[in-house]
Amino acid sequence: MSFYQNFKNSILDITNDNFNDRSLSLFDYQYHTNEIYRSYCTHLKIKKKEIQHIEDIPFLPIEFFKRNEIKSEQWTPEKIFFSSGTTLGTKSKSLVRDLDFFRQMTKKNYEQVYGPLDRRIILALLPSYLEQGHSSLVEMVNYFLTYAQNGSRYINIEDPNIDHVFNDATKKTLIGVSYALLDFAAKQPSSKNLSIMETGGMKGRKKEIVREQLHQMIDLGFRPKNLFTEYGMTELHSQAYAKEKGNLMFPAWARCLIRDINDPFSFTKKGMTGGINIIDLANISTCAFIETKDLGRKMDAFQFKVMGRFDDSEIRGCNQLF
């Protein structure tokens, strides 16, 4: 069995105890099979034999996904996801080797945090993402809708009958991009027994605000039973989730590290703000080690907060409202 197939089959066996070893194993594979990543490591004068811990692994700047096909080994993608971004500039892209694997990982991840999809009605409010197409967020939500209860669907806040969707006492989860949730909240819709999951994403349509202010505005408009957060991006197979206004957390096969703002090759202590680096071991066929343009803060070994973005970062991705 190939390394790729074996690693994919055993990804749910990853734990805190073996995360370091599994990360080093995937680094070794991607170093040898990913030309772009290996060239970057060579440019940094990385000595592969000195990579002993996850903190030693080089993280590929996320900008590389804009102008390069990031692949480990040679294969034909089943799908290509593009970042939402803006109409200006080059969009980041992520090549997907196995679309069913991507779908299964997103479902497993979600259900580990919030429970089975078939026990809830999912409503989705992602207008711009649907318009642009090729969105990993839309792919994830589309898959969720195939498992969710009857009545699950995309909604349009311009629908004159939209209030009827929320009037009954059935438990529902509304997954929405931030600017659309704020537009909807301004209408103060009836929302009995509603949970909301905001995915970030102002995309230049509204003034960027901190998450606490966003949640206050959503609370005021909907009065939801629960308010959750999803943090994801085009280049990842995995998402981090936060329960009621809590800290974000990735599944066992992914992790957030916070790099020093002034020294990108060292890491901060708990509670200090720095750049977010992500290890996503579900990114078997692209690159599992990504240096993002987001600012964050570790709250403990596994939980983190997203604090904002670097000043020179262009607007992009699913979660950029801070």
Protein backbone atom coordinates (compact mmCIF):
# COMPACT_ATOMS: atom_id res chain seq x y z
CA MET A 1 0.00 0.00 0.00
CA SER A 2 1.32 3.48 -0.86
CA PHE A 3 2.28 5.99 1.81
CA TYR A 4 -0.59 8.22 0.71
CA GLN A 5 -3.21 5.49 1.01
CA ASN A 6 -1.85 4.20 4.29
CA PHE A 7 -1.72 7.68 5.85
CA LYS A 8 -5.24 8.47 4.65
CA ASN A 9 -6.62 5.21 6.05
CA SER A 10 -5.10 5.81 9.47
CA ILE A 11 -5.76 9.54 9.91
CA LEU A 12 -8.49 8.98 12.49
CA ASP A 13 -5.94 7.12 14.62
CA ILE A 14 -3.95 10.32 15.19
CA THR A 15 -3.80 11.38 18.84
CA ASN A 16 -1.89 13.84 20.95
CA ASP A 17 0.59 11.06 21.77
CA ASN A 18 1.50 10.29 18.16
CA PHE A 19 0.88 13.70 16.55
CA ASN A 20 4.58 14.65 16.52
CA ASP A 21 5.66 11.36 14.93
CA ARG A 22 2.88 11.43 12.35
CA SER A 23 3.73 15.04 11.47
CA LEU A 24 7.40 14.15 10.97
CA SER A 25 6.41 11.21 8.80
CA LEU A 26 4.23 13.40 6.58
CA PHE A 27 6.94 16.06 6.44
CA ASP A 28 9.40 13.46 5.16
CA TYR A 29 6.90 12.36 2.48
CA GLN A 30 6.09 15.90 1.36
CA TYR A 31 9.73 16.98 1.39
CA HIS A 32 10.53 14.23 -1.12
CA THR A 33 7.39 14.42 -3.28
CA ASN A 34 6.43 18.10 -3.28
CA GLU A 35 8.76 20.06 -5.56
CA ILE A 36 7.58 23.51 -4.44
CA TYR A 37 7.83 22.65 -0.75
CA ARG A 38 11.24 21.03 -1.13
CA SER A 39 12.54 24.07 -3.04
CA TYR A 40 11.31 26.32 -0.25
CA CYS A 41 13.05 24.17 2.36
CA THR A 42 16.23 24.23 0.29
CA HIS A 43 16.01 28.03 0.03
CA LEU A 44 15.84 28.16 3.83
CA LYS A 45 18.90 25.86 3.97
CA ILE A 46 16.91 23.37 6.01
CA LYS A 47 18.81 20.23 6.98
CA LYS A 48 16.20 17.52 6.91
CA LYS A 49 17.99 15.34 9.47
CA GLU A 50 17.70 18.16 12.03
CA ILE A 51 13.88 18.14 11.89
CA GLN A 52 12.99 16.31 15.11
CA HIS A 53 9.88 18.09 16.40
CA ILE A 54 6.88 19.84 14.85
CA GLU A 55 8.38 23.20 15.81
CA ASP A 56 11.37 22.40 13.56
CA ILE A 57 9.24 21.82 10.46
CA PRO A 58 9.26 24.66 7.87
CA PHE A 59 5.83 26.19 7.24
CA LEU A 60 5.05 27.13 3.64
CA PRO A 61 3.77 30.73 3.34
CA ILE A 62 0.17 30.66 2.18
CA GLU A 63 0.98 33.00 -0.73
CA PHE A 64 2.57 30.02 -2.53
CA PHE A 65 -0.93 28.67 -3.17
CA LYS A 66 -1.68 31.65 -5.43
CA ARG A 67 0.81 31.07 -8.19
CA ASN A 68 1.76 27.42 -7.80
CA GLU A 69 0.12 24.03 -7.97
CA ILE A 70 0.96 22.67 -4.53
CA LYS A 71 1.02 18.89 -4.92
CA SER A 72 2.83 16.01 -3.27
CA GLU A 73 3.40 13.38 -5.98
CA GLN A 74 1.79 13.70 -9.40
CA TRP A 75 -1.97 13.28 -9.71
CA THR A 76 -4.94 14.82 -11.46
CA PRO A 77 -7.18 16.86 -9.14
CA GLU A 78 -10.83 15.88 -8.82
CA LYS A 79 -11.63 19.49 -7.95
CA ILE A 80 -9.91 22.84 -7.49
CA PHE A 81 -11.09 25.19 -4.75
CA PHE A 82 -10.49 28.93 -5.07
CA SER A 83 -10.46 31.45 -2.24
CA SER A 84 -13.28 33.97 -2.17
CA GLY A 85 -10.97 36.98 -1.85
CA THR A 86 -11.91 40.04 -3.86
CA THR A 87 -12.23 40.74 -7.57
CA LEU A 88 -8.68 42.10 -7.54
CA GLY A 89 -5.50 40.07 -7.61
CA THR A 90 -4.79 36.38 -7.91
CA LYS A 91 -6.97 34.01 -5.92
CA SER A 92 -5.45 31.26 -3.87
CA LYS A 93 -6.25 27.74 -5.07
CA SER A 94 -6.18 24.32 -3.51
CA LEU A 95 -6.05 21.16 -5.59
CA VAL A 96 -8.13 18.28 -4.23
CA ARG A 97 -6.90 14.77 -4.97
CA ASP A 98 -9.82 12.91 -3.37
CA LEU A 99 -13.02 14.93 -3.05
CA ASP A 100 -14.80 12.22 -1.07
CA PHE A 101 -11.97 12.23 1.50
CA PHE A 102 -12.32 16.01 1.85
CA ARG A 103 -16.07 15.66 2.38
CA GLN A 104 -15.73 12.86 4.91
CA MET A 105 -13.15 14.77 6.95
CA THR A 106 -15.33 17.88 7.15
CA LYS A 107 -18.32 15.79 8.31
CA LYS A 108 -16.30 13.85 10.88
CA ASN A 109 -14.80 17.09 12.18
CA TYR A 110 -18.17 18.84 12.52
CA GLU A 111 -19.91 15.88 14.15
CA GLN A 112 -17.16 15.43 16.72
CA VAL A 113 -17.96 18.91 18.01
CA TYR A 114 -21.70 19.35 17.44
CA GLY A 115 -23.13 15.87 17.07
CA PRO A 116 -24.75 13.96 14.17
CA LEU A 117 -25.92 16.01 11.20
CA ASP A 118 -29.00 13.81 10.76
CA ARG A 119 -30.38 15.14 14.03
CA ARG A 120 -30.62 18.74 12.90
CA ILE A 121 -31.96 21.02 10.22
CA ILE A 122 -29.17 22.96 8.52
CA LEU A 123 -29.90 26.32 6.88
CA ALA A 124 -27.16 28.03 4.89
CA LEU A 125 -26.67 31.72 4.14
CA LEU A 126 -23.67 31.98 1.80
CA PRO A 127 -24.75 34.25 -1.06
CA SER A 128 -21.43 35.44 -2.47
CA TYR A 129 -19.80 32.03 -2.13
CA LEU A 130 -22.58 30.44 -4.17
CA GLU A 131 -22.21 33.14 -6.82
CA GLN A 132 -18.46 32.71 -7.20
CA GLY A 133 -18.48 28.91 -7.14
CA HIS A 134 -15.49 26.62 -6.52
CA SER A 135 -15.67 27.28 -2.76
CA SER A 136 -14.50 24.73 -0.20
CA LEU A 137 -17.06 26.18 2.23
CA VAL A 138 -19.92 25.59 -0.22
CA GLU A 139 -18.62 22.07 -0.92
CA MET A 140 -18.65 21.35 2.81
CA VAL A 141 -22.14 22.78 3.35
CA ASN A 142 -23.52 20.98 0.29
CA TYR A 143 -22.30 17.72 1.78
CA PHE A 144 -23.80 18.56 5.17
CA LEU A 145 -27.17 19.20 3.55
CA THR A 146 -27.27 15.67 2.11
CA TYR A 147 -27.13 14.25 5.66
CA ALA A 148 -29.19 16.83 7.55
CA GLN A 149 -32.91 16.49 8.27
CA ASN A 150 -35.67 17.35 5.81
CA GLY A 151 -36.10 21.10 5.52
CA SER A 152 -32.38 21.76 5.33
CA ARG A 153 -31.50 24.13 2.49
CA TYR A 154 -29.94 27.41 1.38
CA ILE A 155 -31.94 30.51 2.23
CA ASN A 156 -32.24 33.99 0.71
CA ILE A 157 -32.96 36.89 3.06
CA GLU A 158 -34.84 38.64 0.25
CA ASP A 159 -37.42 35.84 0.25
CA PRO A 160 -40.67 37.47 1.48
CA ASN A 161 -41.58 34.24 3.28
CA ILE A 162 -38.25 33.86 5.04
CA ASP A 163 -39.69 34.39 8.53
CA HIS A 164 -41.81 31.26 8.17
CA VAL A 165 -38.60 29.22 8.05
CA PHE A 166 -37.77 30.29 11.60
CA ASN A 167 -41.21 30.52 13.19
CA ASP A 168 -41.68 26.95 14.40
CA ALA A 169 -39.98 25.41 17.41
CA THR A 170 -37.85 22.94 15.43
CA LYS A 171 -34.16 23.05 16.27
CA LYS A 172 -32.18 24.57 13.42
CA THR A 173 -28.58 25.59 12.75
CA LEU A 174 -27.95 28.57 10.47
CA ILE A 175 -24.48 28.54 8.87
CA GLY A 176 -23.72 31.98 7.52
CA VAL A 177 -21.04 34.30 6.23
CA SER A 178 -20.69 37.30 8.55
CA TYR A 179 -21.81 40.16 6.32
CA ALA A 180 -24.98 38.27 5.30
CA LEU A 181 -25.75 37.41 8.93
CA LEU A 182 -25.49 41.11 9.81
CA ASP A 183 -27.82 42.05 6.94
CA PHE A 184 -30.30 39.46 8.14
CA ALA A 185 -29.93 40.45 11.81
CA ALA A 186 -30.88 44.04 10.91
CA LYS A 187 -34.31 42.69 9.90
CA GLN A 188 -34.65 41.17 13.40
CA PRO A 189 -36.11 37.89 12.19
CA SER A 190 -38.11 35.55 14.39
CA SER A 191 -35.73 32.80 15.46
CA LYS A 192 -37.13 30.21 17.84
CA ASN A 193 -34.71 27.47 18.91
CA LEU A 194 -32.02 28.67 16.49
CA SER A 195 -28.28 28.08 16.68
CA ILE A 196 -26.02 30.19 14.48
CA MET A 197 -22.58 29.35 13.13
CA GLU A 198 -20.72 32.33 11.70
CA THR A 199 -17.92 31.52 9.30
CA GLY A 200 -16.35 34.98 9.16
CA GLY A 201 -16.08 36.82 5.90
CA MET A 202 -16.74 40.53 5.41
CA LYS A 203 -14.80 40.54 2.11
CA GLY A 204 -14.77 44.31 1.91
CA ARG A 205 -18.57 44.60 1.96
CA LYS A 206 -18.72 46.06 5.46
CA LYS A 207 -16.33 47.68 7.90
CA GLU A 208 -14.09 45.10 9.52
CA ILE A 209 -15.05 44.59 13.17
CA VAL A 210 -13.81 42.48 16.06
CA ARG A 211 -15.56 39.19 16.68
CA GLU A 212 -17.02 40.34 20.01
CA GLN A 213 -18.82 43.19 18.27
CA LEU A 214 -20.02 40.89 15.51
CA HIS A 215 -21.48 38.48 18.05
CA GLN A 216 -23.19 41.31 19.91
CA MET A 217 -24.88 42.45 16.70
CA ILE A 218 -25.94 38.91 15.80
CA ASP A 219 -27.27 38.38 19.33
CA LEU A 220 -29.26 41.58 19.17
CA GLY A 221 -30.91 40.71 15.86
CA PHE A 222 -31.56 36.97 16.22
CA ARG A 223 -31.51 36.25 19.96
CA PRO A 224 -30.18 32.78 19.05
CA LYS A 225 -30.03 29.87 21.44
CA ASN A 226 -26.35 29.30 20.57
CA LEU A 227 -23.71 31.22 18.64
CA PHE A 228 -20.80 29.22 17.24
CA THR A 229 -17.74 30.01 15.11
CA GLU A 230 -16.04 28.18 12.25
CA TYR A 231 -12.48 28.98 11.16
CA GLY A 232 -11.32 27.53 7.88
CA MET A 233 -9.62 28.40 4.63
CA THR A 234 -9.37 27.20 1.06
CA GLU A 235 -5.96 25.61 1.55
CA LEU A 236 -7.07 23.32 4.41
CA HIS A 237 -8.98 20.06 4.59
CA SER A 238 -9.84 20.73 8.25
CA GLN A 239 -11.72 23.40 10.17
CA ALA A 240 -11.46 24.75 13.72
CA TYR A 241 -14.68 25.26 15.66
CA ALA A 242 -15.63 27.21 18.76
CA LYS A 243 -18.68 26.54 20.85
CA GLU A 244 -20.63 29.35 22.53
CA LYS A 245 -18.26 32.35 22.13
CA GLY A 246 -15.40 30.06 23.08
CA ASN A 247 -11.90 29.33 21.90
CA LEU A 248 -11.24 27.67 18.54
CA MET A 249 -10.00 24.12 18.39
CA PHE A 250 -8.92 21.86 15.52
CA PRO A 251 -9.60 18.10 15.44
CA ALA A 252 -6.93 15.67 16.62
CA TRP A 253 -5.27 15.55 13.18
CA ALA A 254 -4.67 19.33 12.98
CA ARG A 255 -3.08 21.95 15.20
CA CYS A 256 -2.40 25.67 15.47
CA LEU A 257 1.01 27.06 16.40
CA ILE A 258 1.71 30.76 16.99
CA ARG A 259 4.92 32.10 15.47
CA ASP A 260 6.78 35.15 16.74
CA ILE A 261 5.89 38.26 14.71
CA ASN A 262 9.53 39.37 14.59
CA ASP A 263 11.05 35.93 14.09
CA PRO A 264 8.88 33.65 11.93
CA PHE A 265 11.03 30.62 12.76
CA SER A 266 10.35 30.69 16.49
CA PHE A 267 7.12 30.38 18.46
CA THR A 268 5.44 32.46 21.16
CA LYS A 269 4.41 31.51 24.66
CA LYS A 270 0.79 30.96 25.66
CA GLY A 271 -1.22 34.19 25.74
CA MET A 272 1.05 36.13 23.35
CA THR A 273 -0.16 37.31 19.95
CA GLY A 274 1.67 36.14 16.85
CA GLY A 275 1.20 34.71 13.38
CA ILE A 276 -0.90 31.57 12.97
CA ASN A 277 0.81 28.49 11.57
CA ILE A 278 -1.35 25.45 10.91
CA ILE A 279 -0.50 21.77 10.71
CA ASP A 280 -3.31 19.96 8.91
CA LEU A 281 -2.38 16.30 8.53
CA ALA A 282 -5.44 15.78 6.31
CA ASN A 283 -3.55 17.84 3.69
CA ILE A 284 -1.70 14.68 2.67
CA SER A 285 -1.46 15.46 -1.03
CA THR A 286 -0.72 19.20 -0.89
CA CYS A 287 1.21 20.70 2.03
CA ALA A 288 0.29 20.05 5.66
CA PHE A 289 2.40 22.87 7.08
CA ILE A 290 1.09 26.34 6.30
CA GLU A 291 2.10 29.81 7.47
CA THR A 292 -1.02 31.99 7.34
CA LYS A 293 -1.47 35.77 7.40
CA ASP A 294 -3.76 35.59 10.43
CA LEU A 295 -2.81 36.78 13.90
CA GLY A 296 -3.70 34.57 16.82
CA ARG A 297 -3.07 33.70 20.43
CA LYS A 298 -2.74 30.27 22.05
CA MET A 299 -5.03 29.82 25.06
CA ASP A 300 -3.66 26.38 25.96
CA ALA A 301 -1.98 23.48 24.14
CA PHE A 302 -4.91 23.02 21.75
CA GLN A 303 -7.22 26.06 21.89
CA PHE A 304 -6.59 29.42 20.25
CA LYS A 305 -8.16 32.72 19.32
CA VAL A 306 -7.87 34.57 16.00
CA MET A 307 -6.99 38.18 16.78
CA GLY A 308 -6.79 39.76 13.33
CA ARG A 309 -4.68 39.88 10.20
CA PHE A 310 -1.29 41.27 9.29
CA ASP A 311 -1.60 44.83 8.01
CA ASP A 312 -0.27 43.99 4.55
CA SER A 313 -2.62 41.04 4.02
CA GLU A 314 -5.11 41.32 1.22
CA ILE A 315 -8.70 40.45 2.02
CA ARG A 316 -9.21 36.74 1.42
CA GLY A 317 -10.55 33.49 2.77
CA CYS A 318 -13.48 32.38 4.85
CA ASN A 319 -12.67 34.15 8.08
CA GLN A 320 -11.39 37.71 7.90
CA LEU A 321 -13.64 40.02 9.82
CA PHE A 322 -11.44 40.99 12.71
